[in-house]
Amino acid sequence: MKPSLLALLASAPLSWAITADAAENQGKLVYEKWCAPCHSRGEVYPGTTALDARYKGAVPASLEDRSDLSPELVKYFVRNGISVMPFFRKTEINDIELDSLARYLAEPANKKQTGN
């Protein structure tokens, strides 16, 4: 095997890990820009307050504390909105950013809290 091909094959898993970490970080950044102003932890955020009223404590009100959000559900509400939550156009959150956001919110809550 040629040395350059061997180096390429050896670095492939590392490049995937870097890409996965970048996508996870992008999801958190999209959340912080577009979602956190309404959905952060605490009683002063209208989205969090609305979800707390809707679910009456049955599930966590903060999106980052949820473990029941599928990527498809996140994408649906981002593109369609609900109640007073607006929908977001592709010019605001593009499809790549939406995929990253959906993966970020769908991951286990304990992983989001520890940043691992």
N, C-alpha and C. Protein backbone atom coordinates (compact mmCIF):
# COMPACT_ATOMS: atom_id res chain seq x y z
N MET A 1 0.85 -1.17 0.00
CA MET A 1 0.00 0.00 0.00
C MET A 1 0.90 1.23 0.00
N LYS A 2 0.51 2.21 -0.75
CA LYS A 2 1.29 3.44 -0.83
C LYS A 2 1.20 4.19 0.50
N PRO A 3 2.30 4.85 0.90
CA PRO A 3 2.28 5.59 2.18
C PRO A 3 1.20 6.66 2.25
N SER A 4 0.94 7.35 1.15
CA SER A 4 -0.07 8.41 1.19
C SER A 4 -1.47 7.84 1.40
N LEU A 5 -1.75 6.68 0.79
CA LEU A 5 -3.04 6.04 0.97
C LEU A 5 -3.19 5.55 2.41
N LEU A 6 -2.11 5.00 2.94
CA LEU A 6 -2.13 4.53 4.32
C LEU A 6 -2.40 5.68 5.29
N ALA A 7 -1.75 6.81 5.06
CA ALA A 7 -1.98 7.99 5.90
C ALA A 7 -3.42 8.47 5.79
N LEU A 8 -3.97 8.45 4.59
CA LEU A 8 -5.36 8.86 4.39
C LEU A 8 -6.31 7.95 5.15
N LEU A 9 -6.10 6.64 5.04
CA LEU A 9 -6.96 5.69 5.73
C LEU A 9 -6.83 5.81 7.24
N ALA A 10 -5.64 6.06 7.72
CA ALA A 10 -5.42 6.18 9.16
C ALA A 10 -6.07 7.44 9.73
N SER A 11 -6.15 8.50 8.94
CA SER A 11 -6.72 9.75 9.44
C SER A 11 -8.22 9.84 9.24
N ALA A 12 -8.83 8.93 8.52
CA ALA A 12 -10.27 8.99 8.23
C ALA A 12 -11.12 9.01 9.50
N PRO A 13 -10.89 8.11 10.48
CA PRO A 13 -11.71 8.18 11.70
C PRO A 13 -11.54 9.49 12.45
N LEU A 14 -10.34 10.03 12.47
CA LEU A 14 -10.10 11.30 13.15
C LEU A 14 -10.86 12.43 12.48
N SER A 15 -10.86 12.47 11.16
CA SER A 15 -11.59 13.54 10.47
C SER A 15 -13.08 13.42 10.70
N TRP A 16 -13.60 12.21 10.81
CA TRP A 16 -15.03 12.04 11.10
C TRP A 16 -15.34 12.57 12.49
N ALA A 17 -14.47 12.28 13.46
CA ALA A 17 -14.70 12.76 14.83
C ALA A 17 -14.68 14.27 14.89
N ILE A 18 -13.76 14.89 14.17
CA ILE A 18 -13.70 16.35 14.14
C ILE A 18 -14.98 16.90 13.52
N THR A 19 -15.43 16.29 12.46
CA THR A 19 -16.66 16.73 11.80
C THR A 19 -17.86 16.56 12.72
N ALA A 20 -17.94 15.44 13.43
CA ALA A 20 -19.06 15.21 14.35
C ALA A 20 -19.04 16.24 15.48
N ASP A 21 -17.86 16.52 16.02
CA ASP A 21 -17.75 17.53 17.08
C ASP A 21 -18.15 18.91 16.56
N ALA A 22 -17.75 19.23 15.34
CA ALA A 22 -18.10 20.53 14.76
C ALA A 22 -19.60 20.64 14.57
N ALA A 23 -20.24 19.56 14.12
CA ALA A 23 -21.70 19.57 13.92
C ALA A 23 -22.41 19.74 15.26
N GLU A 24 -21.92 19.06 16.29
CA GLU A 24 -22.53 19.19 17.63
C GLU A 24 -22.38 20.62 18.13
N ASN A 25 -21.21 21.19 17.95
CA ASN A 25 -20.98 22.56 18.38
C ASN A 25 -21.86 23.52 17.59
N GLN A 26 -22.03 23.26 16.28
CA GLN A 26 -22.88 24.13 15.47
C GLN A 26 -24.32 24.07 15.98
N GLY A 27 -24.79 22.89 16.35
CA GLY A 27 -26.14 22.76 16.89
C GLY A 27 -26.33 23.58 18.15
N LYS A 28 -25.34 23.56 19.01
CA LYS A 28 -25.42 24.36 20.24
C LYS A 28 -25.41 25.85 19.91
N LEU A 29 -24.59 26.26 18.95
CA LEU A 29 -24.53 27.67 18.56
C LEU A 29 -25.85 28.14 17.95
N VAL A 30 -26.47 27.29 17.13
CA VAL A 30 -27.78 27.63 16.55
C VAL A 30 -28.80 27.76 17.67
N TYR A 31 -28.77 26.82 18.62
CA TYR A 31 -29.68 26.89 19.76
C TYR A 31 -29.50 28.20 20.52
N GLU A 32 -28.26 28.54 20.82
CA GLU A 32 -28.00 29.75 21.60
C GLU A 32 -28.46 31.01 20.88
N LYS A 33 -28.33 31.02 19.55
CA LYS A 33 -28.73 32.22 18.79
C LYS A 33 -30.24 32.32 18.64
N TRP A 34 -30.89 31.23 18.24
CA TRP A 34 -32.30 31.30 17.84
C TRP A 34 -33.28 30.78 18.88
N CYS A 35 -32.88 29.85 19.73
CA CYS A 35 -33.82 29.19 20.64
C CYS A 35 -33.71 29.68 22.08
N ALA A 36 -32.48 29.86 22.54
CA ALA A 36 -32.26 30.22 23.95
C ALA A 36 -32.98 31.48 24.40
N PRO A 37 -33.14 32.50 23.55
CA PRO A 37 -33.85 33.70 24.03
C PRO A 37 -35.27 33.42 24.54
N CYS A 38 -35.88 32.33 24.09
CA CYS A 38 -37.23 31.97 24.57
C CYS A 38 -37.25 30.67 25.36
N HIS A 39 -36.27 29.79 25.15
CA HIS A 39 -36.35 28.43 25.69
C HIS A 39 -35.25 28.07 26.67
N SER A 40 -34.53 29.03 27.23
CA SER A 40 -33.49 28.71 28.23
C SER A 40 -34.13 28.27 29.54
N ARG A 41 -33.29 27.77 30.43
CA ARG A 41 -33.77 27.36 31.75
C ARG A 41 -34.17 28.59 32.57
N GLY A 42 -35.29 28.51 33.24
CA GLY A 42 -35.72 29.60 34.11
C GLY A 42 -37.13 30.07 33.78
N GLU A 43 -37.72 30.77 34.72
CA GLU A 43 -39.11 31.20 34.59
C GLU A 43 -39.29 32.46 33.75
N VAL A 44 -38.22 33.13 33.40
CA VAL A 44 -38.34 34.39 32.67
C VAL A 44 -38.37 34.21 31.15
N TYR A 45 -38.29 32.98 30.68
CA TYR A 45 -38.26 32.71 29.24
C TYR A 45 -39.63 32.25 28.77
N PRO A 46 -40.24 32.97 27.83
CA PRO A 46 -41.63 32.69 27.46
C PRO A 46 -41.86 31.29 26.89
N GLY A 47 -40.93 30.78 26.11
CA GLY A 47 -41.10 29.43 25.56
C GLY A 47 -41.05 28.37 26.65
N THR A 48 -40.12 28.54 27.57
CA THR A 48 -39.99 27.60 28.69
C THR A 48 -41.23 27.67 29.58
N THR A 49 -41.71 28.87 29.85
CA THR A 49 -42.91 29.05 30.67
C THR A 49 -44.13 28.41 29.99
N ALA A 50 -44.25 28.59 28.68
CA ALA A 50 -45.38 28.01 27.94
C ALA A 50 -45.33 26.49 27.98
N LEU A 51 -44.14 25.91 27.81
CA LEU A 51 -44.02 24.45 27.85
C LEU A 51 -44.28 23.92 29.25
N ASP A 52 -43.88 24.65 30.27
CA ASP A 52 -44.15 24.25 31.64
C ASP A 52 -45.66 24.23 31.90
N ALA A 53 -46.35 25.25 31.42
CA ALA A 53 -47.81 25.31 31.58
C ALA A 53 -48.50 24.19 30.80
N ARG A 54 -48.00 23.92 29.61
CA ARG A 54 -48.62 22.89 28.76
C ARG A 54 -48.46 21.50 29.37
N TYR A 55 -47.25 21.17 29.83
CA TYR A 55 -46.97 19.81 30.28
C TYR A 55 -47.07 19.63 31.79
N LYS A 56 -47.28 20.71 32.53
CA LYS A 56 -47.51 20.67 33.98
C LYS A 56 -46.48 19.80 34.72
N GLY A 57 -45.22 19.95 34.32
CA GLY A 57 -44.15 19.23 35.00
C GLY A 57 -43.95 17.79 34.56
N ALA A 58 -44.77 17.29 33.64
CA ALA A 58 -44.63 15.91 33.19
C ALA A 58 -43.31 15.69 32.44
N VAL A 59 -42.85 16.71 31.76
CA VAL A 59 -41.54 16.69 31.09
C VAL A 59 -40.85 18.01 31.42
N PRO A 60 -39.53 18.04 31.36
CA PRO A 60 -38.84 19.30 31.64
C PRO A 60 -39.28 20.40 30.67
N ALA A 61 -39.39 21.60 31.17
CA ALA A 61 -39.83 22.72 30.34
C ALA A 61 -38.73 23.24 29.43
N SER A 62 -37.49 23.18 29.88
CA SER A 62 -36.36 23.65 29.08
C SER A 62 -36.02 22.63 27.99
N LEU A 63 -35.89 23.09 26.77
CA LEU A 63 -35.59 22.19 25.66
C LEU A 63 -34.28 21.43 25.88
N GLU A 64 -33.29 22.08 26.46
CA GLU A 64 -32.00 21.41 26.68
C GLU A 64 -32.09 20.30 27.73
N ASP A 65 -33.12 20.31 28.56
CA ASP A 65 -33.28 19.28 29.58
C ASP A 65 -34.15 18.12 29.11
N ARG A 66 -34.69 18.22 27.92
CA ARG A 66 -35.58 17.18 27.40
C ARG A 66 -34.78 16.01 26.85
N SER A 67 -35.35 14.82 26.95
CA SER A 67 -34.73 13.64 26.35
C SER A 67 -35.71 12.94 25.41
N ASP A 68 -36.85 13.58 25.16
CA ASP A 68 -37.89 12.98 24.33
C ASP A 68 -38.05 13.68 22.98
N LEU A 69 -37.12 14.53 22.61
CA LEU A 69 -37.24 15.27 21.35
C LEU A 69 -36.54 14.52 20.23
N SER A 70 -37.27 14.16 19.20
CA SER A 70 -36.65 13.52 18.04
C SER A 70 -36.20 14.62 17.08
N PRO A 71 -35.21 14.32 16.24
CA PRO A 71 -34.80 15.31 15.24
C PRO A 71 -35.96 15.76 14.36
N GLU A 72 -36.83 14.84 14.01
CA GLU A 72 -37.97 15.17 13.14
C GLU A 72 -38.92 16.15 13.82
N LEU A 73 -39.16 15.96 15.10
CA LEU A 73 -40.05 16.86 15.84
C LEU A 73 -39.46 18.26 15.93
N VAL A 74 -38.17 18.34 16.22
CA VAL A 74 -37.50 19.64 16.28
C VAL A 74 -37.62 20.35 14.94
N LYS A 75 -37.33 19.63 13.86
CA LYS A 75 -37.39 20.23 12.52
C LYS A 75 -38.80 20.71 12.20
N TYR A 76 -39.80 19.92 12.57
CA TYR A 76 -41.18 20.30 12.29
C TYR A 76 -41.53 21.63 12.96
N PHE A 77 -41.24 21.74 14.25
CA PHE A 77 -41.62 22.97 14.97
C PHE A 77 -40.79 24.17 14.53
N VAL A 78 -39.53 23.95 14.17
CA VAL A 78 -38.72 25.06 13.68
C VAL A 78 -39.29 25.59 12.37
N ARG A 79 -39.67 24.71 11.48
CA ARG A 79 -40.17 25.14 10.17
C ARG A 79 -41.63 25.59 10.19
N ASN A 80 -42.43 25.07 11.14
CA ASN A 80 -43.86 25.38 11.14
C ASN A 80 -44.32 26.26 12.30
N GLY A 81 -43.53 26.34 13.36
CA GLY A 81 -43.94 27.10 14.53
C GLY A 81 -45.11 26.43 15.24
N ILE A 82 -45.52 27.02 16.34
CA ILE A 82 -46.69 26.55 17.08
C ILE A 82 -47.11 27.67 18.03
N SER A 83 -48.39 27.91 18.11
CA SER A 83 -48.93 28.95 18.98
C SER A 83 -48.23 30.27 18.70
N VAL A 84 -47.58 30.87 19.70
CA VAL A 84 -46.90 32.15 19.48
C VAL A 84 -45.46 31.98 19.00
N MET A 85 -44.98 30.73 18.95
CA MET A 85 -43.63 30.50 18.43
C MET A 85 -43.66 30.66 16.91
N PRO A 86 -42.79 31.51 16.38
CA PRO A 86 -42.78 31.71 14.94
C PRO A 86 -42.12 30.54 14.22
N PHE A 87 -42.38 30.43 12.93
CA PHE A 87 -41.63 29.49 12.11
C PHE A 87 -40.36 30.19 11.66
N PHE A 88 -39.35 29.41 11.32
CA PHE A 88 -38.09 29.98 10.87
C PHE A 88 -37.83 29.57 9.43
N ARG A 89 -37.56 30.56 8.59
CA ARG A 89 -37.30 30.33 7.17
C ARG A 89 -35.90 29.76 6.97
N LYS A 90 -35.69 29.17 5.79
CA LYS A 90 -34.37 28.64 5.46
C LYS A 90 -33.33 29.74 5.35
N THR A 91 -33.77 30.97 5.16
CA THR A 91 -32.82 32.09 5.13
C THR A 91 -32.39 32.49 6.54
N GLU A 92 -33.13 32.03 7.55
CA GLU A 92 -32.77 32.30 8.95
C GLU A 92 -31.97 31.13 9.52
N ILE A 93 -32.53 29.94 9.40
CA ILE A 93 -31.86 28.71 9.82
C ILE A 93 -31.86 27.80 8.60
N ASN A 94 -30.70 27.62 7.99
CA ASN A 94 -30.66 26.79 6.78
C ASN A 94 -30.75 25.31 7.16
N ASP A 95 -30.87 24.46 6.16
CA ASP A 95 -31.09 23.03 6.41
C ASP A 95 -29.92 22.38 7.16
N ILE A 96 -28.71 22.79 6.87
CA ILE A 96 -27.55 22.22 7.57
C ILE A 96 -27.58 22.63 9.04
N GLU A 97 -27.86 23.89 9.30
CA GLU A 97 -27.97 24.36 10.69
C GLU A 97 -29.13 23.68 11.41
N LEU A 98 -30.24 23.48 10.70
CA LEU A 98 -31.39 22.81 11.30
C LEU A 98 -31.06 21.36 11.65
N ASP A 99 -30.34 20.67 10.77
CA ASP A 99 -29.91 19.30 11.08
C ASP A 99 -29.05 19.27 12.34
N SER A 100 -28.13 20.22 12.44
CA SER A 100 -27.25 20.28 13.62
C SER A 100 -28.05 20.58 14.88
N LEU A 101 -28.97 21.52 14.79
CA LEU A 101 -29.83 21.86 15.92
C LEU A 101 -30.67 20.66 16.35
N ALA A 102 -31.26 19.98 15.38
CA ALA A 102 -32.11 18.83 15.68
C ALA A 102 -31.31 17.72 16.37
N ARG A 103 -30.10 17.47 15.90
CA ARG A 103 -29.25 16.45 16.54
C ARG A 103 -28.88 16.89 17.96
N TYR A 104 -28.56 18.16 18.12
CA TYR A 104 -28.19 18.68 19.45
C TYR A 104 -29.34 18.51 20.44
N LEU A 105 -30.54 18.91 20.06
CA LEU A 105 -31.67 18.82 20.99
C LEU A 105 -32.14 17.39 21.20
N ALA A 106 -31.85 16.49 20.26
CA ALA A 106 -32.27 15.10 20.40
C ALA A 106 -31.30 14.28 21.25
N GLU A 107 -30.10 14.79 21.48
CA GLU A 107 -29.15 14.02 22.28
C GLU A 107 -29.57 14.03 23.75
N PRO A 108 -29.10 13.05 24.52
CA PRO A 108 -29.51 12.98 25.93
C PRO A 108 -29.21 14.27 26.69
N ALA A 109 -30.10 14.63 27.58
CA ALA A 109 -29.97 15.88 28.35
C ALA A 109 -28.68 15.93 29.14
N ASN A 110 -28.27 14.79 29.72
CA ASN A 110 -27.04 14.80 30.53
C ASN A 110 -25.81 15.08 29.67
N LYS A 111 -25.84 14.71 28.42
CA LYS A 111 -24.71 15.00 27.53
C LYS A 111 -24.64 16.49 27.22
N LYS A 112 -25.79 17.13 27.03
CA LYS A 112 -25.81 18.57 26.76
C LYS A 112 -25.31 19.35 27.98
N GLN A 113 -25.66 18.89 29.17
CA GLN A 113 -25.27 19.61 30.39
C GLN A 113 -23.79 19.52 30.67
N THR A 114 -23.19 18.35 30.38
CA THR A 114 -21.77 18.18 30.65
C THR A 114 -20.91 18.64 29.49
N GLY A 115 -21.52 18.78 28.31
CA GLY A 115 -20.76 19.21 27.15
C GLY A 115 -19.91 18.11 26.55
N ASN A 116 -20.19 16.84 26.88
CA ASN A 116 -19.43 15.70 26.34
C ASN A 116 -20.07 15.16 25.11
